[in-house]
Amino acid sequence: MKRLFERKSLGMWSLLAVTLVLATALGGCSALEGLTSASDGNAAAAETTPVASAPTPAPVVVSTPAPAMDSAEATTGDGETRRLDTLSLTYNGEIMADTIVPVVSETAGQIMEVPVAVGDSVAKGDLLVRVDSTLTEAQLAQAKAGLEMAQSQLELATQEPNEVDLEAAKAGVAAAQAAYNQALAGASDEDERMMLAQLRQAEAAVQISQAQYDRIAGQPFAAMLPESLQLQQATLGLEAAQAGYDKLLKGATPDQISGAYAQLAAARAQLALLQRGAGEAQIKAAEAGVKQAEVAVYLAQMQVDKTTIESPADGFIYQLDAVEGGMAGPGVALGVIFSDDVKILINIEEIRSQEIAIGQPVRIAVDAYANEVFDGEISEIAPTFDHATRTVQVTVRPTGANASELKPGMFATVQLLEQ
């Protein structure tokens, strides 16, 4: 009985084991068939669909790109509310004056007037500094006088002589000829008698004055009385008469004869000039003198103008080094003018240089106006790249109605927009 039970138990367990083996085998066949079908499907897909390449990583911004602007609403200069695109490229830069013009003195002198101050708005031509012009104005007056003289000489050289001038020139020649002849011939008998008579008259005057003085010589303060003065005058007259008589007796010296001849030659030349008129060479020389004098006046006027230093451009005074009472000199800087227009310089990576163009729109944000954006555009692109940073410098200028709110020195974030 016991063996029968053992046989039945063994048969049940054997049947259970066979059942499990069959079930496992059937499941394995189904799984294998599924795997085979999937493999065949994948193979077919591989034959019809190309394999996608791995995505190219985005280039790294190496200049000074700013973090992407937070998605926020901002107001433009036209009052329009816009949302900043956080996916656009942004760059940082400092706002600077579009034009910076130094104010330099071109002349030396004391500074007399400075009617402006730092921060004042100025227009081109406004007075900034006035330097003392006393010396330069005197030089200008001298140059103008020289011009008038040159013009008079040209007028004389070109005008026709009149009869009065001719007669005067002839009389001058006759007088010079007589003086020269007398110097050569010496004194005549009549001249000698006249000079001797003048000498005797002077001697008589001294004798009379001496007699009158002798009568009051013993009085106090005799030297202050009229008789003393008359005696002195008579004595001087006698000395002059004696010198003239002695000179007449000696005759003319060689120097006197040469001087008389020179005067005669000059008188003859003047008469000849009037008779034939000025030659072409003389007229050209007079014309050249006028031109030279005109240039002198022009240069002197320039020096006067340089004492008034005016603003070279529109803008505002950023720096002022001139003070009243100070000294200015050629090449000395007196201040700096910033233009009202501004610009921003940013550096764009070489890999993105083909994505930008002149006229491309941008948006500008500054910390001073957190809820406002400023429209702008790319106005310049440098023709070369920086070999060290592999970037190209780009100039951005604001174009919106609110551009005047941007000031030099502000820190700006520039957002490049699609063209």
Foldseek 3Di string as FASTA:
>chain_A
DVVVVVVVVVVVVVVVVVVVVVVVVVVVVVVVVVVVVVVVVVVVVPVVDPDDDDDDDDDDWQFAWDQFDDFDWFAELVRDIDTGDSPFTKGKWFKAFPDKDFFAFAAKAAWADAPDDFFDWDAFFAFGTFGDCPVLVVLLVVLVVLLVVLVVLLVQQPDAFDPVQLVVLVVQLVVLVVQLVCLVVADDPVRLVVLVVQLVVLVVQLVVLVVVLVVCVPPPPSCVDPSVVSNVVSVVSNVVSVVVNVDRVVGHDPVSSVVSVVSNVVSVVSSVCNVVGHDPVSSVVSVVSNVVSVVSSVVSVVNSVSSGGTDNRTAGWNFAQDDHRHIHRRGDTGGMGGHLWIKTKGWGALVCPVQADFFFKKWKDFPVRHRYIFIKTWHDWDPDADPVRRTTITMIGTDDPPSSVDDGRTMMMMTTDHD
